[in-house]
N, C-alpha and C. Protein backbone atom coordinates (compact mmCIF):
# COMPACT_ATOMS: atom_id res chain seq x y z
N MET A 1 116.39 15.67 165.84
CA MET A 1 117.57 16.16 165.18
C MET A 1 117.89 17.58 165.62
N ALA A 2 116.88 18.37 165.81
CA ALA A 2 117.09 19.76 166.23
C ALA A 2 117.68 19.81 167.63
N LYS A 3 117.25 18.85 168.44
CA LYS A 3 117.79 18.81 169.80
C LYS A 3 119.27 18.43 169.78
N ALA A 4 119.67 17.57 168.89
CA ALA A 4 121.07 17.15 168.79
C ALA A 4 121.94 18.33 168.37
N LYS A 5 121.45 19.13 167.42
CA LYS A 5 122.22 20.31 166.99
C LYS A 5 122.33 21.32 168.12
N LYS A 6 121.23 21.47 168.86
CA LYS A 6 121.23 22.42 169.97
C LYS A 6 122.22 21.96 171.06
N ARG A 7 122.27 20.64 171.31
CA ARG A 7 123.21 20.11 172.30
C ARG A 7 124.66 20.34 171.86
N LYS A 8 124.92 20.12 170.58
CA LYS A 8 126.29 20.36 170.07
C LYS A 8 126.67 21.83 170.23
N LYS A 9 125.72 22.70 169.89
CA LYS A 9 125.96 24.14 170.00
C LYS A 9 126.20 24.52 171.46
N ASN A 10 125.40 23.97 172.37
CA ASN A 10 125.57 24.26 173.80
C ASN A 10 126.92 23.74 174.31
N ARG A 11 127.36 22.56 173.83
CA ARG A 11 128.66 22.02 174.25
C ARG A 11 129.79 22.97 173.85
N TRP A 12 129.74 23.48 172.63
CA TRP A 12 130.78 24.41 172.18
C TRP A 12 130.76 25.69 173.02
N ILE A 13 129.59 26.17 173.33
CA ILE A 13 129.49 27.38 174.17
C ILE A 13 130.08 27.09 175.54
N TYR A 14 129.77 25.94 176.13
CA TYR A 14 130.32 25.57 177.43
C TYR A 14 131.84 25.42 177.37
N LEU A 15 132.33 24.80 176.31
CA LEU A 15 133.79 24.64 176.16
C LEU A 15 134.48 25.99 176.05
N VAL A 16 133.89 26.89 175.29
CA VAL A 16 134.47 28.23 175.15
C VAL A 16 134.45 28.95 176.49
N LEU A 17 133.32 28.86 177.20
CA LEU A 17 133.24 29.49 178.52
C LEU A 17 134.25 28.91 179.50
N VAL A 18 134.41 27.59 179.50
CA VAL A 18 135.40 26.95 180.38
C VAL A 18 136.80 27.42 180.00
N GLY A 19 137.07 27.53 178.71
CA GLY A 19 138.38 28.01 178.27
C GLY A 19 138.64 29.44 178.72
N VAL A 20 137.64 30.31 178.61
CA VAL A 20 137.79 31.70 179.03
C VAL A 20 137.99 31.77 180.54
N ILE A 21 137.23 30.97 181.28
CA ILE A 21 137.38 30.95 182.75
C ILE A 21 138.78 30.47 183.12
N CYS A 22 139.28 29.45 182.46
CA CYS A 22 140.64 28.95 182.74
C CYS A 22 141.67 30.04 182.46
N LEU A 23 141.51 30.76 181.38
CA LEU A 23 142.45 31.85 181.07
C LEU A 23 142.39 32.94 182.14
N CYS A 24 141.18 33.28 182.58
CA CYS A 24 141.05 34.31 183.62
C CYS A 24 141.67 33.87 184.94
N VAL A 25 141.43 32.62 185.33
CA VAL A 25 141.99 32.10 186.57
C VAL A 25 143.52 32.05 186.47
N GLY A 26 144.02 31.58 185.35
CA GLY A 26 145.48 31.54 185.16
C GLY A 26 146.10 32.92 185.22
N SER A 27 145.45 33.88 184.59
CA SER A 27 145.95 35.25 184.62
C SER A 27 145.92 35.82 186.04
N GLY A 28 144.85 35.51 186.78
CA GLY A 28 144.74 35.97 188.17
C GLY A 28 145.83 35.39 189.05
N ILE A 29 146.10 34.12 188.87
CA ILE A 29 147.17 33.47 189.65
C ILE A 29 148.52 34.10 189.33
N LYS A 30 148.75 34.38 188.07
CA LYS A 30 150.01 35.01 187.67
C LYS A 30 150.14 36.40 188.29
N GLU A 31 149.04 37.15 188.33
CA GLU A 31 149.05 38.48 188.93
C GLU A 31 149.32 38.40 190.44
N LEU A 32 148.72 37.42 191.11
CA LEU A 32 148.96 37.24 192.54
C LEU A 32 150.43 36.91 192.81
N LYS A 33 151.00 36.05 191.99
CA LYS A 33 152.41 35.70 192.16
C LYS A 33 153.29 36.93 191.96
N THR A 34 152.98 37.73 190.96
CA THR A 34 153.74 38.95 190.71
C THR A 34 153.63 39.91 191.90
N THR A 35 152.43 40.03 192.46
CA THR A 35 152.21 40.90 193.62
C THR A 35 153.03 40.44 194.82
N VAL A 36 153.03 39.14 195.09
CA VAL A 36 153.79 38.60 196.21
C VAL A 36 155.29 38.82 195.99
N ASP A 37 155.77 38.59 194.78
CA ASP A 37 157.19 38.80 194.47
C ASP A 37 157.58 40.26 194.66
N LEU A 38 156.71 41.17 194.24
CA LEU A 38 157.00 42.60 194.40
C LEU A 38 157.01 43.01 195.88
N LYS A 39 156.10 42.46 196.66
CA LYS A 39 156.09 42.76 198.10
C LYS A 39 157.37 42.27 198.76
N ASN A 40 157.81 41.07 198.39
CA ASN A 40 159.06 40.54 198.95
C ASN A 40 160.24 41.41 198.54
N SER A 41 160.25 41.84 197.30
CA SER A 41 161.33 42.68 196.81
C SER A 41 161.36 44.02 197.57
N ILE A 42 160.20 44.58 197.82
CA ILE A 42 160.11 45.85 198.56
C ILE A 42 160.62 45.66 199.98
N GLU A 43 160.25 44.56 200.63
CA GLU A 43 160.73 44.30 201.99
C GLU A 43 162.25 44.17 202.03
N GLN A 44 162.81 43.45 201.06
CA GLN A 44 164.27 43.30 201.00
C GLN A 44 164.94 44.64 200.77
N SER A 45 164.36 45.44 199.90
CA SER A 45 164.93 46.75 199.60
C SER A 45 164.87 47.66 200.83
N ASN A 46 163.77 47.61 201.57
CA ASN A 46 163.66 48.42 202.78
C ASN A 46 164.67 47.99 203.83
N THR A 47 164.87 46.69 203.97
CA THR A 47 165.87 46.19 204.92
C THR A 47 167.27 46.65 204.53
N LYS A 48 167.58 46.54 203.25
CA LYS A 48 168.90 46.98 202.77
C LYS A 48 169.05 48.48 202.94
N LEU A 49 167.98 49.24 202.71
CA LEU A 49 168.02 50.69 202.87
C LEU A 49 168.32 51.06 204.31
N LYS A 50 167.69 50.37 205.27
CA LYS A 50 167.95 50.64 206.69
C LYS A 50 169.41 50.35 207.03
N GLU A 51 169.94 49.24 206.51
CA GLU A 51 171.34 48.89 206.77
C GLU A 51 172.27 49.95 206.19
N LEU A 52 171.99 50.39 204.98
CA LEU A 52 172.83 51.39 204.33
C LEU A 52 172.76 52.73 205.04
N LYS A 53 171.58 53.10 205.54
CA LYS A 53 171.46 54.35 206.28
C LYS A 53 172.26 54.29 207.58
N ALA A 54 172.22 53.14 208.25
CA ALA A 54 173.01 52.98 209.48
C ALA A 54 174.49 53.06 209.17
N LYS A 55 174.90 52.44 208.08
CA LYS A 55 176.32 52.48 207.68
C LYS A 55 176.71 53.90 207.30
N GLN A 56 175.82 54.62 206.61
CA GLN A 56 176.11 56.00 206.22
C GLN A 56 176.28 56.88 207.46
N THR A 57 175.42 56.69 208.45
CA THR A 57 175.52 57.46 209.69
C THR A 57 176.86 57.19 210.37
N ASP A 58 177.25 55.92 210.41
CA ASP A 58 178.52 55.55 211.03
C ASP A 58 179.70 56.17 210.27
N LEU A 59 179.65 56.11 208.95
CA LEU A 59 180.74 56.68 208.14
C LEU A 59 180.81 58.21 208.27
N GLU A 60 179.65 58.85 208.36
CA GLU A 60 179.65 60.30 208.55
C GLU A 60 180.25 60.68 209.90
N LYS A 61 179.96 59.86 210.92
CA LYS A 61 180.54 60.10 212.25
C LYS A 61 182.06 59.93 212.20
N LYS A 62 182.52 58.88 211.50
CA LYS A 62 183.97 58.67 211.37
C LYS A 62 184.62 59.82 210.61
N LYS A 63 183.96 60.27 209.57
CA LYS A 63 184.49 61.39 208.77
C LYS A 63 184.61 62.63 209.64
N LYS A 64 183.58 62.90 210.43
CA LYS A 64 183.61 64.07 211.31
C LYS A 64 184.75 63.95 212.32
N ASN A 65 184.93 62.73 212.86
CA ASN A 65 186.02 62.51 213.82
C ASN A 65 187.39 62.70 213.17
N LEU A 66 187.53 62.25 211.93
CA LEU A 66 188.83 62.36 211.26
C LEU A 66 189.18 63.81 210.91
N LEU A 67 188.20 64.68 210.93
CA LEU A 67 188.47 66.10 210.71
C LEU A 67 188.82 66.81 212.01
N ASP A 68 188.66 66.13 213.14
CA ASP A 68 188.96 66.70 214.46
C ASP A 68 190.40 66.39 214.84
N PRO A 69 191.25 67.42 214.99
CA PRO A 69 192.67 67.18 215.32
C PRO A 69 192.86 66.44 216.65
N ASP A 70 192.00 66.68 217.63
CA ASP A 70 192.13 65.99 218.92
C ASP A 70 191.88 64.48 218.77
N TYR A 71 190.94 64.13 217.95
CA TYR A 71 190.66 62.71 217.72
C TYR A 71 191.82 62.05 217.00
N ILE A 72 192.37 62.73 216.01
CA ILE A 72 193.51 62.17 215.28
C ILE A 72 194.69 61.97 216.23
N GLU A 73 194.91 62.93 217.11
CA GLU A 73 195.99 62.80 218.10
C GLU A 73 195.72 61.61 219.02
N TYR A 74 194.47 61.46 219.43
CA TYR A 74 194.10 60.36 220.31
C TYR A 74 194.39 59.01 219.63
N ILE A 75 194.02 58.88 218.37
CA ILE A 75 194.27 57.64 217.63
C ILE A 75 195.77 57.41 217.46
N ALA A 76 196.49 58.45 217.08
CA ALA A 76 197.93 58.31 216.87
C ALA A 76 198.65 57.91 218.15
N ARG A 77 198.25 58.49 219.26
CA ARG A 77 198.90 58.16 220.53
C ARG A 77 198.52 56.75 220.99
N GLY A 78 197.25 56.39 220.87
CA GLY A 78 196.80 55.10 221.38
C GLY A 78 197.19 53.93 220.51
N LYS A 79 197.00 54.04 219.23
CA LYS A 79 197.22 52.90 218.34
C LYS A 79 198.67 52.81 217.86
N TYR A 80 199.28 53.94 217.58
CA TYR A 80 200.61 53.93 216.98
C TYR A 80 201.71 54.38 217.93
N LEU A 81 201.36 54.65 219.18
CA LEU A 81 202.32 55.05 220.22
C LEU A 81 203.15 56.26 219.82
N VAL A 82 202.54 57.23 219.16
CA VAL A 82 203.21 58.47 218.80
C VAL A 82 203.30 59.33 220.06
N THR A 83 204.46 59.95 220.25
CA THR A 83 204.65 60.78 221.45
C THR A 83 205.05 62.19 221.07
N LYS A 84 204.85 63.06 222.03
CA LYS A 84 205.35 64.42 221.86
C LYS A 84 206.80 64.43 222.33
N GLU A 85 207.51 65.46 221.98
CA GLU A 85 208.91 65.55 222.34
C GLU A 85 209.04 65.59 223.86
N GLY A 86 209.90 64.71 224.39
CA GLY A 86 210.16 64.66 225.82
C GLY A 86 209.24 63.71 226.58
N GLU A 87 208.26 63.12 225.93
CA GLU A 87 207.36 62.18 226.61
C GLU A 87 207.95 60.78 226.58
N GLN A 88 207.60 60.01 227.58
CA GLN A 88 207.97 58.61 227.61
C GLN A 88 206.71 57.76 227.54
N VAL A 89 206.79 56.66 226.82
CA VAL A 89 205.64 55.76 226.67
C VAL A 89 205.93 54.49 227.44
N PHE A 90 204.97 54.10 228.25
CA PHE A 90 205.07 52.86 228.99
C PHE A 90 203.99 51.93 228.46
N LYS A 91 204.41 50.75 228.04
CA LYS A 91 203.46 49.78 227.52
C LYS A 91 203.31 48.68 228.56
N PHE A 92 202.07 48.51 229.02
CA PHE A 92 201.80 47.52 230.05
C PHE A 92 201.45 46.20 229.38
N PRO A 93 201.78 45.11 230.05
CA PRO A 93 201.45 43.80 229.47
C PRO A 93 199.93 43.63 229.38
N SER A 94 199.53 42.88 228.41
CA SER A 94 198.11 42.62 228.19
C SER A 94 197.58 41.70 229.26
N THR A 95 196.34 41.91 229.65
CA THR A 95 195.73 41.03 230.67
C THR A 95 195.13 39.79 230.05
N LYS A 96 195.10 39.72 228.72
CA LYS A 96 194.56 38.54 228.03
C LYS A 96 195.60 37.44 228.00
N GLN A 97 195.13 36.20 228.12
CA GLN A 97 196.01 35.03 228.02
C GLN A 97 196.28 34.75 226.55
N GLU A 98 197.53 34.73 226.15
CA GLU A 98 197.89 34.42 224.77
C GLU A 98 198.51 33.05 224.72
N ASP A 99 198.06 32.23 223.76
CA ASP A 99 198.60 30.88 223.61
C ASP A 99 199.68 30.85 222.58
């Protein structure tokens, strides 16, 4: 009879230990998933940061150009065919085939 009680007691101890181990493993898996998700998020953020820095550099260059009167004149003459007084503008046909 004493052995039967001892076996019952040992079974409960084993069940409790298995339950604690399952909780620890589950918690560890959850932590690993969180770590992987955070690493992916950091990689995406770094990629977006690089893109935004490149765009910022481009916009700063455009801003600097728009403050330059020679550049503004170049754009006005080339894109909008603005002329100075007494100048004539000749527009040549495009070399591209248009359908």
